[in-house]
Amino acid sequence: MTLAELRKLSIRKQLKIRFQLPNGMECVVNEHGVAQLPALRHVPDFNLEQELKAVSQFVLEPARVDPKSPVKGKPIGVAELAALMATGPSAGAAVEHEEE
């Protein structure tokens, strides 16, 4: 699994994908496909793509949530995430494509 694949999934499914790096930092790939490390305060001395290979747990959260009823993230493993990536585009994207 690559960072580019995670980015595509987050955009296509409108998800935030969170995961813990081996160095203890948390990374969030937002619904725009941007990987963010909130605790990062300087130029990193690691390659995010390389660190991603060691990640085994991801948390999926909907990008847009109602503040009155927050949704807890759904933890999934690498195999489940790979299966999610293998599925086609979201239903909304399929409808838009058919109308063209």
PDB file of N, CA and C in Angstrom:
ATOM      1  N   MET A   1       0.845  -1.168   0.000  1.00  0.00           N
ATOM      2  CA  MET A   1       0.000   0.000   0.000  1.00  0.00           C
ATOM      3  C   MET A   1       0.896   1.238   0.000  1.00  0.00           C
ATOM      4  N   THR A   2       0.514   2.201  -0.811  1.00  0.00           N
ATOM      5  CA  THR A   2       1.301   3.426  -0.921  1.00  0.00           C
ATOM      6  C   THR A   2       0.501   4.616  -0.394  1.00  0.00           C
ATOM      7  N   LEU A   3       1.213   5.682  -0.163  1.00  0.00           N
ATOM      8  CA  LEU A   3       0.575   6.913   0.282  1.00  0.00           C
ATOM      9  C   LEU A   3      -0.382   7.435  -0.796  1.00  0.00           C
ATOM     10  N   ALA A   4      -0.014   7.296  -2.049  1.00  0.00           N
ATOM     11  CA  ALA A   4      -0.876   7.738  -3.150  1.00  0.00           C
ATOM     12  C   ALA A   4      -2.205   6.978  -3.146  1.00  0.00           C
ATOM     13  N   GLU A   5      -2.157   5.685  -2.847  1.00  0.00           N
ATOM     14  CA  GLU A   5      -3.394   4.897  -2.785  1.00  0.00           C
ATOM     15  C   GLU A   5      -4.283   5.359  -1.629  1.00  0.00           C
ATOM     16  N   LEU A   6      -3.666   5.656  -0.484  1.00  0.00           N
ATOM     17  CA  LEU A   6      -4.437   6.172   0.652  1.00  0.00           C
ATOM     18  C   LEU A   6      -5.075   7.505   0.308  1.00  0.00           C
ATOM     19  N   ARG A   7      -4.317   8.354  -0.370  1.00  0.00           N
ATOM     20  CA  ARG A   7      -4.832   9.662  -0.751  1.00  0.00           C
ATOM     21  C   ARG A   7      -6.038   9.525  -1.674  1.00  0.00           C
ATOM     22  N   LYS A   8      -5.935   8.638  -2.664  1.00  0.00           N
ATOM     23  CA  LYS A   8      -7.046   8.426  -3.601  1.00  0.00           C
ATOM     24  C   LYS A   8      -8.285   7.920  -2.873  1.00  0.00           C
ATOM     25  N   LEU A   9      -8.090   6.977  -1.954  1.00  0.00           N
ATOM     26  CA  LEU A   9      -9.214   6.425  -1.201  1.00  0.00           C
ATOM     27  C   LEU A   9      -9.891   7.500  -0.359  1.00  0.00           C
ATOM     28  N   SER A  10      -9.100   8.324   0.300  1.00  0.00           N
ATOM     29  CA  SER A  10      -9.680   9.363   1.153  1.00  0.00           C
ATOM     30  C   SER A  10     -10.499  10.364   0.345  1.00  0.00           C
ATOM     31  N   ILE A  11     -10.046  10.672  -0.842  1.00  0.00           N
ATOM     32  CA  ILE A  11     -10.790  11.600  -1.711  1.00  0.00           C
ATOM     33  C   ILE A  11     -12.051  10.922  -2.243  1.00  0.00           C
ATOM     34  N   ARG A  12     -11.892   9.720  -2.762  1.00  0.00           N
ATOM     35  CA  ARG A  12     -13.007   9.009  -3.390  1.00  0.00           C
ATOM     36  C   ARG A  12     -14.132   8.715  -2.403  1.00  0.00           C
ATOM     37  N   LYS A  13     -13.780   8.304  -1.182  1.00  0.00           N
ATOM     38  CA  LYS A  13     -14.788   7.932  -0.193  1.00  0.00           C
ATOM     39  C   LYS A  13     -15.096   9.054   0.794  1.00  0.00           C
ATOM     40  N   GLN A  14     -14.427  10.217   0.637  1.00  0.00           N
ATOM     41  CA  GLN A  14     -14.612  11.353   1.549  1.00  0.00           C
ATOM     42  C   GLN A  14     -14.406  10.919   3.003  1.00  0.00           C
ATOM     43  N   LEU A  15     -13.198  10.402   3.266  1.00  0.00           N
ATOM     44  CA  LEU A  15     -12.826   9.909   4.582  1.00  0.00           C
ATOM     45  C   LEU A  15     -11.600  10.629   5.111  1.00  0.00           C
ATOM     46  N   LYS A  16     -11.458  10.591   6.416  1.00  0.00           N
ATOM     47  CA  LYS A  16     -10.196  10.925   7.062  1.00  0.00           C
ATOM     48  C   LYS A  16      -9.603   9.593   7.479  1.00  0.00           C
ATOM     49  N   ILE A  17      -8.368   9.354   7.109  1.00  0.00           N
ATOM     50  CA  ILE A  17      -7.696   8.104   7.448  1.00  0.00           C
ATOM     51  C   ILE A  17      -6.573   8.440   8.420  1.00  0.00           C
ATOM     52  N   ARG A  18      -6.679   7.919   9.634  1.00  0.00           N
ATOM     53  CA  ARG A  18      -5.681   8.178  10.670  1.00  0.00           C
ATOM     54  C   ARG A  18      -4.846   6.921  10.883  1.00  0.00           C
ATOM     55  N   PHE A  19      -3.564   7.118  11.163  1.00  0.00           N
ATOM     56  CA  PHE A  19      -2.716   5.994  11.532  1.00  0.00           C
ATOM     57  C   PHE A  19      -1.530   6.487  12.340  1.00  0.00           C
ATOM     58  N   GLN A  20      -1.016   5.597  13.175  1.00  0.00           N
ATOM     59  CA  GLN A  20       0.103   5.890  14.054  1.00  0.00           C
ATOM     60  C   GLN A  20       1.391   5.434  13.369  1.00  0.00           C
ATOM     61  N   LEU A  21       2.358   6.321  13.271  1.00  0.00           N
ATOM     62  CA  LEU A  21       3.646   5.975  12.692  1.00  0.00           C
ATOM     63  C   LEU A  21       4.498   5.248  13.733  1.00  0.00           C
ATOM     64  N   PRO A  22       5.465   4.454  13.295  1.00  0.00           N
ATOM     65  CA  PRO A  22       6.331   3.754  14.250  1.00  0.00           C
ATOM     66  C   PRO A  22       7.066   4.688  15.211  1.00  0.00           C
ATOM     67  N   ASN A  23       7.302   5.932  14.803  1.00  0.00           N
ATOM     68  CA  ASN A  23       7.999   6.879  15.684  1.00  0.00           C
ATOM     69  C   ASN A  23       7.062   7.533  16.694  1.00  0.00           C
ATOM     70  N   GLY A  24       5.775   7.146  16.705  1.00  0.00           N
ATOM     71  CA  GLY A  24       4.823   7.657  17.682  1.00  0.00           C
ATOM     72  C   GLY A  24       3.951   8.796  17.191  1.00  0.00           C
ATOM     73  N   MET A  25       4.285   9.396  16.071  1.00  0.00           N
ATOM     74  CA  MET A  25       3.473  10.494  15.535  1.00  0.00           C
ATOM     75  C   MET A  25       2.222   9.948  14.862  1.00  0.00           C
ATOM     76  N   GLU A  26       1.173  10.760  14.878  1.00  0.00           N
ATOM     77  CA  GLU A  26      -0.060  10.400  14.187  1.00  0.00           C
ATOM     78  C   GLU A  26      -0.093  11.121  12.845  1.00  0.00           C
ATOM     79  N   CYS A  27      -0.552  10.409  11.831  1.00  0.00           N
ATOM     80  CA  CYS A  27      -0.730  10.998  10.506  1.00  0.00           C
ATOM     81  C   CYS A  27      -2.209  10.920  10.163  1.00  0.00           C
ATOM     82  N   VAL A  28      -2.705  11.983   9.528  1.00  0.00           N
ATOM     83  CA  VAL A  28      -4.098  12.031   9.081  1.00  0.00           C
ATOM     84  C   VAL A  28      -4.088  12.386   7.602  1.00  0.00           C
ATOM     85  N   VAL A  29      -4.692  11.512   6.801  1.00  0.00           N
ATOM     86  CA  VAL A  29      -4.896  11.829   5.385  1.00  0.00           C
ATOM     87  C   VAL A  29      -6.331  12.325   5.299  1.00  0.00           C
ATOM     88  N   ASN A  30      -6.495  13.609   4.977  1.00  0.00           N
ATOM     89  CA  ASN A  30      -7.846  14.186   5.004  1.00  0.00           C
ATOM     90  C   ASN A  30      -8.603  13.913   3.707  1.00  0.00           C
ATOM     91  N   GLU A  31      -9.839  14.382   3.655  1.00  0.00           N
ATOM     92  CA  GLU A  31     -10.716  14.127   2.504  1.00  0.00           C
ATOM     93  C   GLU A  31     -10.243  14.800   1.224  1.00  0.00           C
ATOM     94  N   HIS A  32      -9.233  15.655   1.326  1.00  0.00           N
ATOM     95  CA  HIS A  32      -8.652  16.300   0.152  1.00  0.00           C
ATOM     96  C   HIS A  32      -7.385  15.581  -0.304  1.00  0.00           C
ATOM     97  N   GLY A  33      -7.038  14.494   0.380  1.00  0.00           N
ATOM     98  CA  GLY A  33      -5.864  13.713   0.027  1.00  0.00           C
ATOM     99  C   GLY A  33      -4.564  14.267   0.583  1.00  0.00           C
ATOM    100  N   VAL A  34      -4.654  15.178   1.528  1.00  0.00           N
ATOM    101  CA  VAL A  34      -3.459  15.794   2.112  1.00  0.00           C
ATOM    102  C   VAL A  34      -3.061  15.030   3.369  1.00  0.00           C
ATOM    103  N   ALA A  35      -1.820  14.579   3.422  1.00  0.00           N
ATOM    104  CA  ALA A  35      -1.307  13.893   4.609  1.00  0.00           C
ATOM    105  C   ALA A  35      -0.786  14.945   5.579  1.00  0.00           C
ATOM    106  N   GLN A  36      -1.311  14.916   6.795  1.00  0.00           N
ATOM    107  CA  GLN A  36      -0.935  15.895   7.808  1.00  0.00           C
ATOM    108  C   GLN A  36      -0.384  15.177   9.032  1.00  0.00           C
ATOM    109  N   LEU A  37       0.663  15.752   9.613  1.00  0.00           N
ATOM    110  CA  LEU A  37       1.236  15.261  10.865  1.00  0.00           C
ATOM    111  C   LEU A  37       1.132  16.403  11.862  1.00  0.00           C
ATOM    112  N   PRO A  38       0.048  16.453  12.651  1.00  0.00           N
ATOM    113  CA  PRO A  38      -0.190  17.595  13.534  1.00  0.00           C
ATOM    114  C   PRO A  38       0.954  17.890  14.505  1.00  0.00           C
ATOM    115  N   ALA A  39       1.690  16.880  14.955  1.00  0.00           N
ATOM    116  CA  ALA A  39       2.758  17.094  15.937  1.00  0.00           C
ATOM    117  C   ALA A  39       4.077  17.524  15.297  1.00  0.00           C
ATOM    118  N   LEU A  40       4.148  17.539  13.991  1.00  0.00           N
ATOM    119  CA  LEU A  40       5.391  17.876  13.302  1.00  0.00           C
ATOM    120  C   LEU A  40       5.677  19.366  13.418  1.00  0.00           C
ATOM    121  N   ARG A  41       6.837  19.702  13.934  1.00  0.00           N
ATOM    122  CA  ARG A  41       7.219  21.104  14.152  1.00  0.00           C
ATOM    123  C   ARG A  41       8.435  21.534  13.344  1.00  0.00           C
ATOM    124  N   HIS A  42       9.046  20.614  12.627  1.00  0.00           N
ATOM    125  CA  HIS A  42      10.225  20.935  11.821  1.00  0.00           C
ATOM    126  C   HIS A  42      10.287  19.971  10.638  1.00  0.00           C
ATOM    127  N   VAL A  43      11.237  20.152   9.781  1.00  0.00           N
ATOM    128  CA  VAL A  43      11.394  19.279   8.624  1.00  0.00           C
ATOM    129  C   VAL A  43      11.645  17.863   9.140  1.00  0.00           C
ATOM    130  N   PRO A  44      10.857  16.901   8.679  1.00  0.00           N
ATOM    131  CA  PRO A  44      11.003  15.543   9.211  1.00  0.00           C
ATOM    132  C   PRO A  44      12.311  14.899   8.767  1.00  0.00           C
ATOM    133  N   ASP A  45      12.821  14.012   9.620  1.00  0.00           N
ATOM    134  CA  ASP A  45      14.023  13.269   9.284  1.00  0.00           C
ATOM    135  C   ASP A  45      13.668  11.841   8.861  1.00  0.00           C
ATOM    136  N   PHE A  46      12.438  11.679   8.372  1.00  0.00           N
ATOM    137  CA  PHE A  46      11.981  10.373   7.908  1.00  0.00           C
ATOM    138  C   PHE A  46      11.153  10.555   6.642  1.00  0.00           C
ATOM    139  N   ASN A  47      10.949   9.454   5.949  1.00  0.00           N
ATOM    140  CA  ASN A  47      10.153   9.437   4.727  1.00  0.00           C
ATOM    141  C   ASN A  47       8.800   8.820   5.066  1.00  0.00           C
ATOM    142  N   LEU A  48       7.739   9.575   4.902  1.00  0.00           N
ATOM    143  CA  LEU A  48       6.399   9.105   5.254  1.00  0.00           C
ATOM    144  C   LEU A  48       6.031   7.847   4.479  1.00  0.00           C
ATOM    145  N   GLU A  49       6.422   7.776   3.227  1.00  0.00           N
ATOM    146  CA  GLU A  49       6.133   6.592   2.399  1.00  0.00           C
ATOM    147  C   GLU A  49       6.784   5.344   3.003  1.00  0.00           C
ATOM    148  N   GLN A  50       8.012   5.487   3.478  1.00  0.00           N
ATOM    149  CA  GLN A  50       8.722   4.362   4.094  1.00  0.00           C
ATOM    150  C   GLN A  50       8.088   3.979   5.435  1.00  0.00           C
ATOM    151  N   GLU A  51       7.705   4.961   6.229  1.00  0.00           N
ATOM    152  CA  GLU A  51       7.091   4.709   7.532  1.00  0.00           C
ATOM    153  C   GLU A  51       5.726   4.030   7.379  1.00  0.00           C
ATOM    154  N   LEU A  52       5.021   4.340   6.318  1.00  0.00           N
ATOM    155  CA  LEU A  52       3.698   3.769   6.077  1.00  0.00           C
ATOM    156  C   LEU A  52       3.755   2.251   5.938  1.00  0.00           C
ATOM    157  N   LYS A  53       4.854   1.730   5.431  1.00  0.00           N
ATOM    158  CA  LYS A  53       4.986   0.280   5.234  1.00  0.00           C
ATOM    159  C   LYS A  53       4.906  -0.495   6.545  1.00  0.00           C
ATOM    160  N   ALA A  54       5.255   0.143   7.668  1.00  0.00           N
ATOM    161  CA  ALA A  54       5.249  -0.529   8.968  1.00  0.00           C
ATOM    162  C   ALA A  54       3.916  -0.379   9.710  1.00  0.00           C
ATOM    163  N   VAL A  55       2.982   0.365   9.149  1.00  0.00           N
ATOM    164  CA  VAL A  55       1.692   0.598   9.813  1.00  0.00           C
ATOM    165  C   VAL A  55       0.781  -0.607   9.605  1.00  0.00           C
ATOM    166  N   SER A  56       0.108  -1.038  10.693  1.00  0.00           N
ATOM    167  CA  SER A  56      -0.776  -2.198  10.583  1.00  0.00           C
ATOM    168  C   SER A  56      -2.223  -1.885  10.961  1.00  0.00           C
ATOM    169  N   GLN A  57      -2.459  -0.702  11.519  1.00  0.00           N
ATOM    170  CA  GLN A  57      -3.806  -0.327  11.967  1.00  0.00           C
ATOM    171  C   GLN A  57      -4.145   1.065  11.450  1.00  0.00           C
ATOM    172  N   PHE A  58      -5.348   1.221  10.918  1.00  0.00           N
ATOM    173  CA  PHE A  58      -5.831   2.494  10.403  1.00  0.00           C
ATOM    174  C   PHE A  58      -7.190   2.769  11.039  1.00  0.00           C
ATOM    175  N   VAL A  59      -7.540   4.038  11.151  1.00  0.00           N
ATOM    176  CA  VAL A  59      -8.861   4.422  11.663  1.00  0.00           C
ATOM    177  C   VAL A  59      -9.532   5.272  10.588  1.00  0.00           C
ATOM    178  N   LEU A  60     -10.702   4.836  10.142  1.00  0.00           N
ATOM    179  CA  LEU A  60     -11.460   5.565   9.121  1.00  0.00           C
ATOM    180  C   LEU A  60     -12.553   6.375   9.795  1.00  0.00           C
ATOM    181  N   GLU A  61     -12.641   7.642   9.408  1.00  0.00           N
ATOM    182  CA  GLU A  61     -13.669   8.529   9.937  1.00  0.00           C
ATOM    183  C   GLU A  61     -14.328   9.256   8.771  1.00  0.00           C
ATOM    184  N   PRO A  62     -15.625   9.482   8.832  1.00  0.00           N
ATOM    185  CA  PRO A  62     -16.256  10.287   7.780  1.00  0.00           C
ATOM    186  C   PRO A  62     -15.698  11.708   7.841  1.00  0.00           C
ATOM    187  N   ALA A  63     -15.507  12.314   6.701  1.00  0.00           N
ATOM    188  CA  ALA A  63     -14.943  13.664   6.640  1.00  0.00           C
ATOM    189  C   ALA A  63     -15.897  14.695   7.210  1.00  0.00           C
ATOM    190  N   ARG A  64     -17.162  14.520   6.941  1.00  0.00           N
ATOM    191  CA  ARG A  64     -18.147  15.488   7.403  1.00  0.00           C
ATOM    192  C   ARG A  64     -19.026  14.831   8.458  1.00  0.00           C
ATOM    193  N   VAL A  65     -18.976  15.370   9.664  1.00  0.00           N
ATOM    194  CA  VAL A  65     -19.788  14.820  10.752  1.00  0.00           C
ATOM    195  C   VAL A  65     -20.627  15.924  11.367  1.00  0.00           C
ATOM    196  N   ASP A  66     -21.750  15.530  11.899  1.00  0.00           N
ATOM    197  CA  ASP A  66     -22.630  16.455  12.600  1.00  0.00           C
ATOM    198  C   ASP A  66     -22.061  16.672  13.998  1.00  0.00           C
ATOM    199  N   PRO A  67     -21.764  17.920  14.384  1.00  0.00           N
ATOM    200  CA  PRO A  67     -21.195  18.168  15.709  1.00  0.00           C
ATOM    201  C   PRO A  67     -22.091  17.700  16.856  1.00  0.00           C
ATOM    202  N   LYS A  68     -23.386  17.610  16.601  1.00  0.00           N
ATOM    203  CA  LYS A  68     -24.320  17.188  17.641  1.00  0.00           C
ATOM    204  C   LYS A  68     -24.269  15.681  17.880  1.00  0.00           C
ATOM    205  N   SER A  69     -23.866  14.944  16.871  1.00  0.00           N
ATOM    206  CA  SER A  69     -23.766  13.481  17.023  1.00  0.00           C
ATOM    207  C   SER A  69     -22.450  12.999  16.404  1.00  0.00           C
ATOM    208  N   PRO A  70     -21.351  13.168  17.140  1.00  0.00           N
ATOM    209  CA  PRO A  70     -20.052  12.764  16.596  1.00  0.00           C
ATOM    210  C   PRO A  70     -19.990  11.257  16.341  1.00  0.00           C
ATOM    211  N   VAL A  71     -19.253  10.896  15.313  1.00  0.00           N
ATOM    212  CA  VAL A  71     -19.099   9.499  14.923  1.00  0.00           C
ATOM    213  C   VAL A  71     -17.695   9.055  15.305  1.00  0.00           C
ATOM    214  N   LYS A  72     -17.613   7.909  15.964  1.00  0.00           N
ATOM    215  CA  LYS A  72     -16.317   7.363  16.317  1.00  0.00           C
ATOM    216  C   LYS A  72     -15.694   6.716  15.093  1.00  0.00           C
ATOM    217  N   GLY A  73     -14.377   6.791  14.999  1.00  0.00           N
ATOM    218  CA  GLY A  73     -13.678   6.179  13.885  1.00  0.00           C
ATOM    219  C   GLY A  73     -13.750   4.666  13.934  1.00  0.00           C
ATOM    220  N   LYS A  74     -13.625   4.059  12.769  1.00  0.00           N
ATOM    221  CA  LYS A  74     -13.685   2.603  12.661  1.00  0.00           C
ATOM    222  C   LYS A  74     -12.277   2.074  12.432  1.00  0.00           C
ATOM    223  N   PRO A  75     -11.696   1.345  13.405  1.00  0.00           N
ATOM    224  CA  PRO A  75     -10.360   0.794  13.202  1.00  0.00           C
ATOM    225  C   PRO A  75     -10.405  -0.404  12.258  1.00  0.00           C
ATOM    226  N   ILE A  76      -9.466  -0.438  11.322  1.00  0.00           N
ATOM    227  CA  ILE A  76      -9.371  -1.564  10.397  1.00  0.00           C
ATOM    228  C   ILE A  76      -7.899  -1.901  10.175  1.00  0.00           C
ATOM    229  N   GLY A  77      -7.658  -3.116   9.736  1.00  0.00           N
ATOM    230  CA  GLY A  77      -6.313  -3.579   9.455  1.00  0.00           C
ATOM    231  C   GLY A  77      -5.927  -3.331   8.001  1.00  0.00           C
ATOM    232  N   VAL A  78      -4.725  -3.706   7.666  1.00  0.00           N
ATOM    233  CA  VAL A  78      -4.195  -3.503   6.320  1.00  0.00           C
ATOM    234  C   VAL A  78      -5.004  -4.284   5.292  1.00  0.00           C
ATOM    235  N   ALA A  79      -5.350  -5.540   5.598  1.00  0.00           N
ATOM    236  CA  ALA A  79      -6.094  -6.372   4.647  1.00  0.00           C
ATOM    237  C   ALA A  79      -7.465  -5.762   4.344  1.00  0.00           C
ATOM    238  N   GLU A  80      -8.148  -5.283   5.386  1.00  0.00           N
ATOM    239  CA  GLU A  80      -9.469  -4.669   5.182  1.00  0.00           C
ATOM    240  C   GLU A  80      -9.354  -3.384   4.356  1.00  0.00           C
ATOM    241  N   LEU A  81      -8.311  -2.612   4.624  1.00  0.00           N
ATOM    242  CA  LEU A  81      -8.108  -1.373   3.879  1.00  0.00           C
ATOM    243  C   LEU A  81      -7.804  -1.676   2.415  1.00  0.00           C
ATOM    244  N   ALA A  82      -7.014  -2.699   2.173  1.00  0.00           N
ATOM    245  CA  ALA A  82      -6.703  -3.100   0.796  1.00  0.00           C
ATOM    246  C   ALA A  82      -7.972  -3.536   0.066  1.00  0.00           C
ATOM    247  N   ALA A  83      -8.855  -4.252   0.760  1.00  0.00           N
ATOM    248  CA  ALA A  83     -10.120  -4.672   0.158  1.00  0.00           C
ATOM    249  C   ALA A  83     -10.997  -3.464  -0.156  1.00  0.00           C
ATOM    250  N   LEU A  84     -10.988  -2.477   0.725  1.00  0.00           N
ATOM    251  CA  LEU A  84     -11.761  -1.254   0.499  1.00  0.00           C
ATOM    252  C   LEU A  84     -11.220  -0.505  -0.717  1.00  0.00           C
ATOM    253  N   MET A  85      -9.909  -0.512  -0.883  1.00  0.00           N
ATOM    254  CA  MET A  85      -9.297   0.150  -2.036  1.00  0.00           C
ATOM    255  C   MET A  85      -9.656  -0.557  -3.335  1.00  0.00           C
ATOM    256  N   ALA A  86      -9.849  -1.874  -3.255  1.00  0.00           N
ATOM    257  CA  ALA A  86     -10.145  -2.653  -4.448  1.00  0.00           C
ATOM    258  C   ALA A  86     -11.568  -2.442  -4.941  1.00  0.00           C
ATOM    259  N   THR A  87     -12.456  -1.983  -4.058  1.00  0.00           N
ATOM    260  CA  THR A  87     -13.835  -1.737  -4.485  1.00  0.00           C
ATOM    261  C   THR A  87     -13.876  -0.530  -5.407  1.00  0.00           C
ATOM    262  N   GLY A  88     -14.916  -0.445  -6.177  1.00  0.00           N
ATOM    263  CA  GLY A  88     -15.074   0.655  -7.127  1.00  0.00           C
ATOM    264  C   GLY A  88     -15.305   1.978  -6.439  1.00  0.00           C
ATOM    265  N   PRO A  89     -15.531   3.025  -7.228  1.00  0.00           N
ATOM    266  CA  PRO A  89     -15.775   4.355  -6.661  1.00  0.00           C
ATOM    267  C   PRO A  89     -17.064   4.375  -5.856  1.00  0.00           C
ATOM    268  N   SER A  90     -17.205   5.404  -5.041  1.00  0.00           N
ATOM    269  CA  SER A  90     -18.393   5.523  -4.196  1.00  0.00           C
ATOM    270  C   SER A  90     -19.650   5.639  -5.053  1.00  0.00           C
ATOM    271  N   ALA A  91     -20.787   5.394  -4.439  1.00  0.00           N
ATOM    272  CA  ALA A  91     -22.059   5.417  -5.163  1.00  0.00           C
ATOM    273  C   ALA A  91     -22.328   6.780  -5.795  1.00  0.00           C
ATOM    274  N   GLY A  92     -22.000   7.834  -5.096  1.00  0.00           N
ATOM    275  CA  GLY A  92     -22.228   9.176  -5.620  1.00  0.00           C
ATOM    276  C   GLY A  92     -21.415   9.437  -6.876  1.00  0.00           C
ATOM    277  N   ALA A  93     -20.206   8.955  -6.899  1.00  0.00           N
ATOM    278  CA  ALA A  93     -19.354   9.153  -8.070  1.00  0.00           C
ATOM    279  C   ALA A  93     -19.888   8.355  -9.253  1.00  0.00           C
ATOM    280  N   ALA A  94     -20.436   7.155  -8.984  1.00  0.00           N
ATOM    281  CA  ALA A  94     -20.973   6.334 -10.061  1.00  0.00           C
ATOM    282  C   ALA A  94     -22.181   7.005 -10.700  1.00  0.00           C
ATOM    283  N   VAL A  95     -23.030   7.606  -9.890  1.00  0.00           N
ATOM    284  CA  VAL A  95     -24.211   8.294 -10.419  1.00  0.00           C
ATOM    285  C   VAL A  95     -23.779   9.478 -11.271  1.00  0.00           C
ATOM    286  N   GLU A  96     -22.818  10.248 -10.803  1.00  0.00           N
ATOM    287  CA  GLU A  96     -22.342  11.384 -11.574  1.00  0.00           C
ATOM    288  C   GLU A  96     -21.779  10.934 -12.918  1.00  0.00           C
ATOM    289  N   HIS A  97     -21.071   9.822 -12.916  1.00  0.00           N
ATOM    290  CA  HIS A  97     -20.442   9.332 -14.141  1.00  0.00           C
ATOM    291  C   HIS A  97     -21.514   8.900 -15.156  1.00  0.00           C
ATOM    292  N   GLU A  98     -22.573   8.269 -14.681  1.00  0.00           N
ATOM    293  CA  GLU A  98     -23.628   7.810 -15.576  1.00  0.00           C
ATOM    294  C   GLU A  98     -24.366   8.972 -16.234  1.00  0.00           C
ATOM    295  N   GLU A  99     -24.440  10.115 -15.565  1.00  0.00           N
ATOM    296  CA  GLU A  99     -25.178  11.234 -16.105  1.00  0.00           C
ATOM    297  C   GLU A  99     -24.424  11.957 -17.213  1.00  0.00           C
ATOM    298  N   GLU A 100     -23.132  11.735 -17.299  1.00  0.00           N
ATOM    299  CA  GLU A 100     -22.327  12.464 -18.305  1.00  0.00           C
ATOM    300  C   GLU A 100     -22.647  12.080 -19.704  1.00  0.00           C
TER     301      GLU A 100
END
